[in-house]
Protein backbone atom coordinates (compact mmCIF):
# COMPACT_ATOMS: atom_id res chain seq x y z
CA MET A 1 99.67 113.98 106.65
CA SER A 2 100.04 115.06 110.26
CA LEU A 3 101.32 113.09 113.13
CA LYS A 4 97.51 113.33 114.71
CA SER A 5 96.08 111.56 111.65
CA PHE A 6 98.39 109.08 111.28
CA PHE A 7 97.68 107.75 114.95
CA LEU A 8 94.02 107.93 114.11
CA VAL A 9 94.47 105.67 111.36
CA LEU A 10 96.67 103.75 113.60
CA ALA A 11 94.24 103.53 116.14
CA GLY A 12 91.38 101.89 113.32
CA LEU A 13 89.53 105.07 113.20
CA ALA A 14 87.56 104.14 109.97
CA PRO A 15 86.29 107.45 109.03
CA LEU A 16 90.26 108.31 107.80
CA TYR A 17 90.53 105.31 105.73
CA ASN A 18 89.15 106.71 102.19
CA ALA A 19 91.49 109.84 102.28
CA VAL A 20 94.87 108.10 103.63
CA THR A 21 94.32 105.08 101.29
CA ALA A 22 93.42 107.33 98.34
CA LEU A 23 97.02 109.19 99.20
CA ALA A 24 98.65 106.06 99.78
CA THR A 25 97.71 103.52 97.08
CA PRO A 26 96.01 103.50 93.52
CA VAL A 27 92.43 103.71 93.85
CA ALA A 28 92.11 99.86 91.89
CA HIS A 29 94.02 98.45 95.12
CA VAL A 30 91.69 99.76 97.47
CA ALA A 31 88.66 98.76 95.52
CA ALA A 32 90.11 95.20 95.33
CA ALA A 33 91.02 95.26 99.16
CA VAL A 34 87.81 96.33 100.80
CA SER A 35 84.22 95.26 99.63
CA PRO A 36 81.48 97.78 100.27
CA SER A 37 80.47 95.93 103.18
CA GLY A 38 83.90 97.01 104.70
CA ASN A 39 85.33 93.25 104.62
CA CYS A 40 89.03 93.52 104.00
CA ASN A 41 88.81 90.23 101.87
CA GLY A 42 90.65 88.40 105.01
CA THR A 43 93.10 91.12 105.85
CA SER A 44 92.72 93.31 108.54
CA TYR A 45 92.29 96.91 107.99
CA GLN A 46 94.94 97.63 110.11
CA GLN A 47 97.19 95.44 107.88
CA ILE A 48 95.96 97.43 104.61
CA VAL A 49 97.09 100.57 106.18
CA LEU A 50 100.25 98.91 107.56
CA ASP A 51 101.39 97.30 104.17
CA ASN A 52 100.55 100.84 102.15
CA HIS A 53 102.52 102.77 104.65
CA ASN A 54 105.44 100.28 104.36
CA ASN A 55 105.11 100.53 100.80
CA HIS A 56 106.07 104.14 100.98
CA ARG A 57 108.69 103.72 103.58
CA ALA A 58 109.99 101.30 101.17
CA ASN A 59 109.99 103.80 98.30
CA HIS A 60 112.87 105.97 100.67
CA SER A 61 114.86 103.16 101.66
CA ALA A 62 113.17 103.26 105.10
CA ASN A 63 112.73 100.17 107.28
CA ALA A 64 109.17 98.43 107.36
CA LEU A 65 107.23 99.18 110.44
CA VAL A 66 105.23 96.52 112.41
CA TRP A 67 101.67 96.79 114.30
CA ASN A 68 102.31 97.47 117.90
CA THR A 69 99.05 96.89 119.73
CA THR A 70 99.88 98.87 122.61
CA LEU A 71 100.82 101.71 121.03
CA ALA A 72 97.70 101.64 118.52
CA ASN A 73 95.54 101.35 122.01
CA GLN A 74 97.52 104.29 123.60
CA ALA A 75 96.87 106.27 120.50
CA LYS A 76 93.23 105.42 120.50
CA VAL A 77 92.61 106.40 123.90
CA TRP A 78 94.59 109.72 123.47
CA ALA A 79 92.97 110.38 120.06
CA GLU A 80 89.05 110.20 121.90
CA ARG A 81 90.18 112.71 123.89
CA CYS A 82 90.61 115.17 121.36
CA VAL A 83 87.95 117.71 120.65
CA PHE A 84 87.82 117.87 116.90
CA ALA A 85 86.25 121.21 116.33
CA HIS A 86 87.60 125.07 115.15
CA GLY A 87 88.80 127.67 117.65
CA GLY A 88 87.31 130.54 117.53
């Protein structure tokens, strides 16, 4: 995953949710965690992404990360400046 994609996920931009969770977790876990209405069964989207990311970090003996709202807000502002188009 690119750094840009990672920040978009941390910023809570939902369109990347399916791609990230498909790579990060078994499909059954995602289906159980998020209903079609987007309700995360009481767990925030950010927490689901963070938990899945930390599961993979643990597989490599890396310390768990914690959610940083300031960093997430800065990443969102940065991501909103991007032009998502192919150069030519």
